[in-house]
Protein backbone atom coordinates (compact mmCIF):
# COMPACT_ATOMS: atom_id res chain seq x y z
CA MET A 1 41.85 43.50 236.71
CA LEU A 2 42.83 45.25 233.35
CA GLU A 3 41.63 43.95 230.21
CA LEU A 4 42.53 44.34 226.47
CA VAL A 5 39.62 43.29 224.10
CA HIS A 6 40.61 42.97 220.46
CA VAL A 7 42.68 46.22 220.80
CA THR A 8 44.13 47.74 217.62
CA LYS A 9 46.28 50.90 217.44
CA ARG A 10 47.04 52.38 213.90
CA LEU A 11 49.29 55.48 213.45
CA LYS A 12 48.64 56.77 210.03
CA LYS A 13 48.92 53.71 207.88
CA LYS A 14 50.96 51.57 210.34
CA THR A 15 49.41 49.25 212.56
CA VAL A 16 51.55 49.38 215.84
CA LEU A 17 49.13 47.07 218.01
CA ASP A 18 47.31 44.31 216.03
CA ASP A 19 44.03 42.84 217.60
CA ILE A 20 45.26 42.14 221.12
CA SER A 21 43.20 40.56 223.82
CA TYR A 22 44.48 39.78 227.14
CA THR A 23 43.54 39.96 230.87
CA PHE A 24 46.15 41.06 233.50
CA GLU A 25 45.42 40.20 237.08
CA SER A 26 46.43 42.03 240.43
CA GLY A 27 49.31 40.59 242.40
CA VAL A 28 51.06 39.31 239.14
CA VAL A 29 54.24 40.56 237.38
CA TYR A 30 54.06 40.44 233.49
CA GLY A 31 57.03 40.73 231.24
CA LEU A 32 56.66 42.18 227.85
CA PHE A 33 59.58 40.88 225.76
CA GLY A 34 60.39 41.77 222.23
CA VAL A 35 63.02 43.68 220.27
CA ASN A 36 62.93 47.50 219.79
CA GLY A 37 59.90 48.48 217.61
CA SER A 38 57.89 45.23 218.51
CA GLY A 39 55.24 47.36 220.05
CA LYS A 40 56.10 46.89 223.85
CA THR A 41 56.02 50.64 224.77
CA MET A 42 52.98 51.24 222.70
CA LEU A 43 51.16 48.41 224.63
CA LEU A 44 52.20 50.17 227.95
CA ARG A 45 50.74 53.49 226.72
CA MET A 46 47.69 51.65 225.74
CA LEU A 47 47.37 50.00 229.20
CA SER A 48 47.97 53.27 230.91
CA GLY A 49 45.36 55.29 229.04
CA LEU A 50 47.86 57.60 227.42
CA ILE A 51 46.57 56.65 224.02
CA ARG A 52 43.24 55.49 222.70
CA PRO A 53 42.81 52.30 220.70
CA THR A 54 41.74 52.62 217.12
CA GLU A 55 39.61 49.51 217.65
CA GLY A 56 38.63 47.49 220.70
CA LYS A 57 38.51 48.27 224.25
CA VAL A 58 40.47 48.67 227.48
CA ILE A 59 38.59 47.72 230.55
CA TYR A 60 39.52 48.37 234.11
CA GLU A 61 37.53 46.74 236.91
CA GLY A 62 34.43 46.36 234.52
CA LYS A 63 34.49 49.93 233.22
CA ILE A 64 35.62 51.02 229.69
CA LEU A 65 38.55 53.33 229.74
CA HIS A 66 37.90 56.75 227.83
CA GLU A 67 34.12 55.93 227.81
CA GLU A 68 32.89 55.16 231.39
CA ILE A 69 36.09 56.38 233.20
CA PRO A 70 38.42 59.17 231.69
CA MET A 71 41.48 57.63 233.04
CA LEU A 72 42.99 54.87 235.27
CA PRO A 73 42.34 56.06 238.93
CA ASP A 74 45.52 54.48 240.29
CA VAL A 75 48.32 53.86 238.15
CA GLY A 76 52.12 54.52 238.28
CA VAL A 77 54.06 54.73 234.94
CA VAL A 78 57.69 54.99 233.86
CA ILE A 79 57.77 55.31 229.95
CA GLU A 80 60.70 56.25 227.85
CA ASN A 81 62.04 59.96 228.08
CA MET A 82 60.30 60.79 231.31
CA GLU A 83 61.59 63.93 232.99
CA LEU A 84 61.03 65.13 236.36
CA LEU A 85 61.59 68.64 237.76
CA PRO A 86 65.43 69.38 237.10
CA TYR A 87 65.95 72.09 239.70
CA TYR A 88 64.45 70.23 242.56
CA THR A 89 65.81 67.36 244.74
CA ALA A 90 64.47 63.89 244.52
CA TYR A 91 62.44 64.37 247.73
CA GLU A 92 61.14 67.65 246.51
CA ASN A 93 59.90 66.16 243.22
CA LEU A 94 57.90 63.50 245.05
CA ILE A 95 56.49 66.12 247.37
CA ARG A 96 55.09 68.10 244.65
CA LEU A 97 53.77 65.08 242.98
CA SER A 98 52.01 63.91 246.16
CA LYS A 99 50.02 67.21 246.15
CA ILE A 100 47.79 66.08 243.18
CA LYS A 101 46.15 63.24 245.17
CA ASN A 102 47.19 63.85 248.69
CA VAL A 103 47.59 60.11 249.56
CA ALA A 104 51.26 59.75 250.27
CA SER A 105 52.85 61.00 253.52
CA GLN A 106 56.23 62.45 253.82
CA ASP A 107 57.35 59.09 255.45
CA ASP A 108 55.95 57.25 252.35
CA ILE A 109 58.11 59.38 250.16
CA ARG A 110 61.22 59.14 252.27
CA LEU A 111 60.70 55.23 252.32
CA ALA A 112 60.20 55.06 248.52
CA LEU A 113 63.42 56.88 247.79
CA GLU A 114 65.27 54.72 250.27
CA ARG A 115 63.92 51.48 248.73
CA VAL A 116 65.38 52.50 245.25
CA GLY A 117 68.76 53.46 246.78
CA LEU A 118 68.32 57.46 246.75
CA ASP A 119 68.91 59.56 249.91
CA PRO A 120 65.79 61.67 250.78
CA GLU A 121 68.05 64.16 252.73
CA SER A 122 70.21 64.89 249.60
CA GLU A 123 70.42 68.39 248.50
CA LEU A 124 71.33 67.36 244.89
CA LYS A 125 69.21 68.57 242.22
CA VAL A 126 67.79 66.21 239.44
CA ARG A 127 69.54 68.14 236.76
CA LYS A 128 72.93 66.81 238.33
CA PHE A 129 71.69 63.17 238.53
CA SER A 130 73.35 60.46 236.69
CA LEU A 131 71.12 58.44 234.19
CA GLY A 132 70.83 55.72 236.81
CA MET A 133 69.71 58.00 239.55
CA LYS A 134 67.01 59.58 237.18
CA GLN A 135 65.86 56.17 236.47
CA ARG A 136 65.63 55.19 240.23
CA LEU A 137 63.76 58.26 240.83
CA ASN A 138 61.30 57.58 238.05
CA ILE A 139 60.71 54.14 239.56
CA ALA A 140 60.09 55.66 242.94
CA GLN A 141 57.35 57.87 241.58
CA ALA A 142 55.68 55.03 240.09
CA PHE A 143 55.07 53.22 243.49
CA PHE A 144 55.42 55.83 246.22
CA GLU A 145 51.56 56.32 246.36
CA LYS A 146 50.83 52.50 246.54
CA GLN A 147 49.53 52.43 243.16
CA LYS A 148 47.41 49.47 242.06
CA ILE A 149 48.76 49.23 238.65
CA ILE A 150 52.59 49.84 237.90
CA LEU A 151 53.78 49.98 234.21
CA LEU A 152 57.62 50.00 233.62
CA ASP A 153 59.39 50.37 230.33
CA GLU A 154 63.05 49.01 230.64
CA PRO A 155 63.18 49.75 234.33
CA THR A 156 66.77 48.46 234.77
CA ASN A 157 68.37 50.74 231.85
CA ALA A 158 71.36 52.75 233.08
CA VAL A 159 71.13 51.29 236.63
CA ASP A 160 74.31 49.65 238.15
CA HIS A 161 74.28 46.10 239.60
CA LYS A 162 73.25 47.33 243.10
CA GLY A 163 70.56 49.32 241.77
CA VAL A 164 69.14 46.54 239.61
CA GLN A 165 68.84 44.29 242.57
CA GLN A 166 67.09 47.09 244.42
CA ILE A 167 64.58 47.44 241.68
CA TYR A 168 64.00 43.71 241.67
CA ASP A 169 63.55 43.70 245.29
CA VAL A 170 61.00 46.54 244.94
CA ILE A 171 59.04 44.78 242.31
CA GLN A 172 58.62 41.71 244.37
CA GLN A 173 57.60 43.78 247.30
CA GLU A 174 54.97 45.66 245.20
CA LYS A 175 53.66 42.32 243.98
CA LYS A 176 53.21 41.09 247.44
CA ARG A 177 51.31 44.23 248.27
CA GLY A 178 48.85 43.08 245.36
CA ALA A 179 49.81 45.42 242.54
CA LEU A 180 49.36 44.51 238.84
CA ILE A 181 52.70 45.04 237.39
CA VAL A 182 53.75 44.99 233.72
CA ILE A 183 57.28 45.45 232.57
CA ALA A 184 58.55 46.01 228.96
CA THR A 185 62.01 44.73 228.56
CA HIS A 186 64.49 43.28 226.17
CA HIS A 187 66.67 41.87 228.99
CA ASP A 188 66.46 38.30 229.75
CA ASN A 189 67.75 38.86 233.14
CA ASP A 190 64.78 41.17 233.98
CA LEU A 191 62.34 38.57 232.93
CA ARG A 192 64.01 35.65 234.80
CA ASN A 193 64.23 37.88 238.13
CA MET A 194 61.02 39.86 237.96
CA CYS A 195 58.13 38.20 236.05
CA ASP A 196 55.61 35.48 236.65
CA GLU A 197 54.36 35.52 233.00
CA VAL A 198 56.26 36.31 229.79
CA LEU A 199 54.24 37.93 226.95
CA LEU A 200 56.13 37.95 223.76
CA MET A 201 55.53 40.82 221.33
CA ASP A 202 56.41 40.85 217.48
CA SER A 203 55.30 43.59 214.95
CA GLY A 204 52.47 44.56 217.38
CA LYS A 205 51.05 41.09 218.06
CA LEU A 206 50.96 39.32 221.37
CA MET A 207 52.49 36.16 220.06
CA LEU A 208 52.93 33.76 223.09
CA GLN A 209 52.80 33.64 226.81
CA GLU A 210 54.78 31.37 229.06
CA GLY A 211 55.48 30.86 232.58
CA CYS A 212 58.81 32.08 234.30
CA ASP A 213 61.27 29.88 236.23
CA GLU A 214 59.30 28.67 239.23
CA GLU A 215 61.98 29.92 241.40
CA ASN A 216 60.84 33.47 240.57
CA GLY A 217 57.16 32.83 240.18
């Protein structure tokens, strides 16, 4: 469980997150919906622990982030402008990332790449990837260690139709595994095909929540 308690974030004189309280549960896919500049990405940064609140608290499993725990212990993140190592292959990138925690096997890495439509045996370096291939690799790194929390910013951007469906499938599989998943998007199709709950953001406020179509819940 990940909880925001009266969280406000100010940058200089601008309020970018405005008194947000909400509880995110495991095994649920949340969609953050809003126009560019509404605060979606900033909220993902707050949930991930990349930024600290100006006011309020972020609580993970009963412990206050940045006070009782320095960071979330088990989170995978895709946030705008992420770059992986350009002179390595997709497989080599994940191998190097896996050395930090030593929880993912080589088979886990191969399977993660295959699930997003990348060939783990490919010798193509990331610097030669298309934007869609880079996005697939970013998403693979967000779940290949079976992270409990997965935070995705516009996950289907630059991805072709086949890749979009693969991402939808991965999200549903990770949900069944019990992951807490939050997706920031401005695409209606993403919300209909991935989410259980929709959270509407406007000017840094969490305005409304509503259930998604029962077929996708």
